Amino acid sequence: MTNEARAFICPLCGEASRSDVHGKVVQDDGENFPPNEFALLMCTHQECLAPVVQCAVLWDDEFNRDRPEIFYPSKRRLSDSVPDALRDEFEEAQKCFEAKAYGATLVMVRRTLEGTCADQGATKKTLAQSLKELQEQGKIDGLLAQWADLLRVVGNKGAHFTGDKGSSQDAQDALDFAEALLDHLYVLRARFDAFRARQNKQAQS
């Protein structure tokens, strides 16, 4: 371990931290590109202690003017199968969470849910009715339907002045559930439909 220390925002707990560098690896692909340095750090908050890998571009063995970025844990990214408009809403929710604006995170997750219902063809006026419509169509069922309704409820908490802006855990759970819902609707269902079509074709041949 070196005596060098780095300051960073932990991508897991969201707190500012300062860690010794526990190891470095430099990736140098040749003369056409500057080398990248990967430094192993650790969040110093006792409730977190997450391992973190920070990446920086090196120019003449020094950091360039761009600040280092967190390489691991990587920021969650939705599949390209999810419509662009929904990915934009979800990424906005992530930015709110990173800024510790947890009420705004819940609002953006609700907007993502509203957009998902519209994209899936729901025609009802309220979000609760639209979710029920998707459930009746078989697009969401069981636990997913409960998740979706909880997202609606916590979204209401963020959208209305009740004195309760929502906690960081509420916001984190909302992001996790929204990601799972989008993954189910736009990735897993498509893969299952393709799988079922292949099986039907094989059965007929």
Protein backbone atom coordinates (compact mmCIF):
# COMPACT_ATOMS: atom_id res chain seq x y z
CA MET A 1 0.00 0.00 0.00
CA THR A 2 1.31 3.47 -0.90
CA ASN A 3 1.15 6.58 1.27
CA GLU A 4 -0.86 8.38 -1.40
CA ALA A 5 -4.48 9.28 -0.60
CA ARG A 6 -7.38 10.19 -2.86
CA ALA A 7 -10.66 12.03 -2.23
CA PHE A 8 -13.81 10.80 -3.96
CA ILE A 9 -17.57 10.44 -3.66
CA CYS A 10 -18.46 6.83 -2.90
CA PRO A 11 -20.85 5.58 -5.61
CA LEU A 12 -22.58 3.25 -3.16
CA CYS A 13 -23.22 5.29 -0.03
CA GLY A 14 -22.96 8.69 -1.75
CA GLU A 15 -20.70 10.14 0.95
CA ALA A 16 -17.46 12.04 0.48
CA SER A 17 -14.52 9.83 1.40
CA ARG A 18 -10.72 9.92 1.48
CA SER A 19 -8.80 6.70 1.05
CA ASP A 20 -5.25 5.49 0.86
CA VAL A 21 -4.35 4.00 -2.50
CA HIS A 22 -4.19 0.24 -1.96
CA GLY A 23 -2.70 -0.52 -5.37
CA LYS A 24 -2.35 0.76 -8.93
CA VAL A 25 -2.41 -0.68 -12.43
CA VAL A 26 -1.49 1.35 -15.52
CA GLN A 27 -2.95 0.31 -18.88
CA ASP A 28 -0.89 1.59 -21.81
CA ASP A 29 -2.21 0.62 -25.26
CA GLY A 30 0.51 2.37 -27.27
CA GLU A 31 1.67 5.72 -28.55
CA ASN A 32 -1.66 6.84 -30.01
CA PHE A 33 -3.49 6.95 -26.69
CA PRO A 34 -2.47 8.16 -23.25
CA PRO A 35 -2.22 5.50 -20.54
CA ASN A 36 -4.99 4.94 -18.02
CA GLU A 37 -4.28 4.49 -14.33
CA PHE A 38 -6.61 2.35 -12.19
CA ALA A 39 -6.29 2.91 -8.44
CA LEU A 40 -7.84 0.67 -5.78
CA LEU A 41 -9.49 2.66 -2.98
CA MET A 42 -11.92 1.92 -0.15
CA CYS A 43 -14.76 3.98 1.23
CA THR A 44 -13.80 4.96 4.78
CA HIS A 45 -17.33 5.19 6.17
CA GLN A 46 -17.83 2.34 8.62
CA GLU A 47 -21.34 1.58 7.39
CA CYS A 48 -20.08 1.17 3.82
CA LEU A 49 -16.37 0.20 3.41
CA ALA A 50 -16.98 -0.49 -0.28
CA PRO A 51 -14.05 -1.23 -2.62
CA VAL A 52 -13.75 1.44 -5.31
CA VAL A 53 -11.63 1.56 -8.47
CA GLN A 54 -10.81 5.06 -9.71
CA CYS A 55 -9.63 5.62 -13.28
CA ALA A 56 -7.60 8.58 -14.53
CA VAL A 57 -5.92 9.45 -17.84
CA LEU A 58 -2.20 10.05 -17.47
CA TRP A 59 -0.18 12.63 -19.37
CA ASP A 60 3.55 12.43 -18.71
CA ASP A 61 2.81 10.34 -15.58
CA GLU A 62 0.60 13.07 -14.11
CA PHE A 63 -3.17 13.43 -13.87
CA ASN A 64 -4.63 15.47 -16.68
CA ARG A 65 -6.94 18.40 -16.06
CA ASP A 66 -10.03 16.15 -16.15
CA ARG A 67 -10.91 14.73 -12.76
CA PRO A 68 -10.61 10.95 -12.26
CA GLU A 69 -13.78 8.93 -12.70
CA ILE A 70 -15.11 5.94 -10.78
CA PHE A 71 -14.58 2.78 -12.84
CA TYR A 72 -16.05 0.38 -10.27
CA PRO A 73 -18.75 0.05 -9.01
CA SER A 74 -20.01 1.15 -12.39
CA LYS A 75 -23.04 3.34 -12.74
CA ARG A 76 -26.09 1.31 -13.62
CA ARG A 77 -27.08 1.58 -17.26
CA LEU A 78 -30.33 0.38 -18.76
CA SER A 79 -30.38 -1.88 -21.79
CA ASP A 80 -30.58 -0.21 -25.20
CA SER A 81 -33.81 -2.18 -25.63
CA VAL A 82 -35.48 0.29 -23.26
CA PRO A 83 -36.88 3.27 -25.24
CA ASP A 84 -34.68 6.38 -25.23
CA ALA A 85 -37.31 8.55 -23.53
CA LEU A 86 -37.61 6.12 -20.62
CA ARG A 87 -33.83 5.80 -20.30
CA ASP A 88 -33.61 9.60 -20.13
CA GLU A 89 -36.19 9.74 -17.32
CA PHE A 90 -34.41 6.99 -15.40
CA GLU A 91 -31.01 8.67 -15.80
CA GLU A 92 -32.53 11.90 -14.50
CA ALA A 93 -33.73 9.98 -11.46
CA GLN A 94 -30.18 8.69 -10.97
CA LYS A 95 -28.77 12.21 -11.11
CA CYS A 96 -31.27 13.33 -8.48
CA PHE A 97 -30.20 10.45 -6.26
CA GLU A 98 -26.52 11.26 -6.68
CA ALA A 99 -27.32 14.86 -5.66
CA LYS A 100 -29.12 13.47 -2.57
CA ALA A 101 -32.40 14.97 -3.81
CA TYR A 102 -34.37 11.94 -2.73
CA GLY A 103 -37.82 13.46 -3.11
CA ALA A 104 -36.94 14.46 -6.67
CA THR A 105 -35.65 10.93 -7.27
CA LEU A 106 -39.05 9.53 -6.33
CA VAL A 107 -40.79 11.99 -8.63
CA MET A 108 -38.56 11.05 -11.57
CA VAL A 109 -39.12 7.35 -10.90
CA ARG A 110 -42.87 8.01 -10.98
CA ARG A 111 -42.44 9.86 -14.30
CA THR A 112 -40.54 6.84 -15.60
CA LEU A 113 -43.40 4.62 -14.51
CA GLU A 114 -45.97 6.88 -16.19
CA GLY A 115 -43.95 6.86 -19.40
CA THR A 116 -43.65 3.08 -19.24
CA CYS A 117 -47.40 2.68 -18.95
CA ALA A 118 -47.96 4.99 -21.93
CA ASP A 119 -45.34 3.19 -24.02
CA GLN A 120 -46.93 -0.16 -23.17
CA GLY A 121 -50.28 1.06 -24.49
CA ALA A 122 -52.14 1.78 -21.26
CA THR A 123 -55.07 4.11 -21.90
CA LYS A 124 -56.44 4.86 -18.43
CA LYS A 125 -56.37 8.37 -16.96
CA THR A 126 -54.65 7.64 -13.65
CA LEU A 127 -51.41 5.81 -13.02
CA ALA A 128 -53.09 3.33 -10.67
CA GLN A 129 -55.64 2.45 -13.35
CA SER A 130 -52.94 2.19 -16.02
CA LEU A 131 -50.95 -0.26 -13.88
CA LYS A 132 -54.08 -2.31 -13.34
CA GLU A 133 -54.62 -2.33 -17.09
CA LEU A 134 -51.10 -3.65 -17.71
CA GLN A 135 -51.71 -6.33 -15.11
CA GLU A 136 -54.98 -7.37 -16.76
CA GLN A 137 -53.13 -7.59 -20.09
CA GLY A 138 -50.60 -9.96 -18.52
CA LYS A 139 -47.65 -7.60 -19.03
CA ILE A 140 -46.96 -7.41 -15.31
CA ASP A 141 -48.11 -9.84 -12.67
CA GLY A 142 -47.54 -11.01 -9.14
CA LEU A 143 -44.61 -9.37 -7.40
CA LEU A 144 -43.90 -7.02 -10.33
CA ALA A 145 -47.40 -5.60 -10.08
CA GLN A 146 -46.86 -4.97 -6.37
CA TRP A 147 -43.50 -3.31 -7.08
CA ALA A 148 -45.08 -1.07 -9.69
CA ASP A 149 -47.84 -0.01 -7.32
CA LEU A 150 -45.29 0.74 -4.57
CA LEU A 151 -43.36 2.89 -7.04
CA ARG A 152 -46.56 4.81 -7.65
CA VAL A 153 -47.10 5.28 -3.92
CA VAL A 154 -43.57 6.50 -3.16
CA GLY A 155 -43.76 8.72 -6.24
CA ASN A 156 -46.81 10.37 -4.69
CA LYS A 157 -44.78 10.92 -1.53
CA GLY A 158 -42.19 12.87 -3.50
CA ALA A 159 -44.67 14.77 -5.64
CA HIS A 160 -46.93 16.13 -2.91
CA PHE A 161 -46.14 18.37 0.03
CA THR A 162 -46.69 16.10 3.00
CA GLY A 163 -43.65 16.92 5.12
CA ASP A 164 -42.11 13.57 4.13
CA LYS A 165 -39.66 13.90 1.24
CA GLY A 166 -38.69 10.24 1.29
CA SER A 167 -35.50 8.67 2.58
CA SER A 168 -32.35 7.67 0.77
CA GLN A 169 -33.41 4.03 1.20
CA ASP A 170 -36.81 4.77 -0.36
CA ALA A 171 -35.07 6.42 -3.31
CA GLN A 172 -32.57 3.57 -3.71
CA ASP A 173 -35.32 0.95 -3.59
CA ALA A 174 -37.38 2.93 -6.10
CA LEU A 175 -34.46 2.99 -8.54
CA ASP A 176 -33.85 -0.74 -8.07
CA PHE A 177 -37.50 -1.66 -8.57
CA ALA A 178 -37.87 0.64 -11.58
CA GLU A 179 -34.81 -0.92 -13.19
CA ALA A 180 -36.18 -4.42 -12.58
CA LEU A 181 -39.55 -3.46 -14.05
CA LEU A 182 -38.00 -1.95 -17.19
CA ASP A 183 -35.71 -4.94 -17.57
CA HIS A 184 -38.70 -7.29 -17.31
CA LEU A 185 -40.83 -5.41 -19.83
CA TYR A 186 -38.22 -4.56 -22.46
CA VAL A 187 -35.51 -7.21 -22.13
CA LEU A 188 -36.70 -10.42 -20.48
CA ARG A 189 -40.12 -10.49 -22.14
CA ALA A 190 -38.54 -9.99 -25.56
CA ARG A 191 -36.05 -12.79 -24.90
CA PHE A 192 -38.81 -15.07 -23.64
CA ASP A 193 -41.00 -14.36 -26.68
CA ALA A 194 -38.05 -15.14 -28.98
CA PHE A 195 -37.31 -18.32 -27.02
CA ARG A 196 -40.96 -19.43 -27.18
CA ALA A 197 -41.09 -18.74 -30.92
CA ARG A 198 -38.01 -20.93 -31.46
CA GLN A 199 -39.49 -23.73 -29.40
CA ASN A 200 -42.78 -23.59 -31.29
CA LYS A 201 -40.95 -23.64 -34.61
CA GLN A 202 -38.90 -26.66 -33.54
CA ALA A 203 -42.02 -28.47 -32.34
CA GLN A 204 -43.70 -27.95 -35.74
CA SER A 205 -40.71 -29.15 -37.78
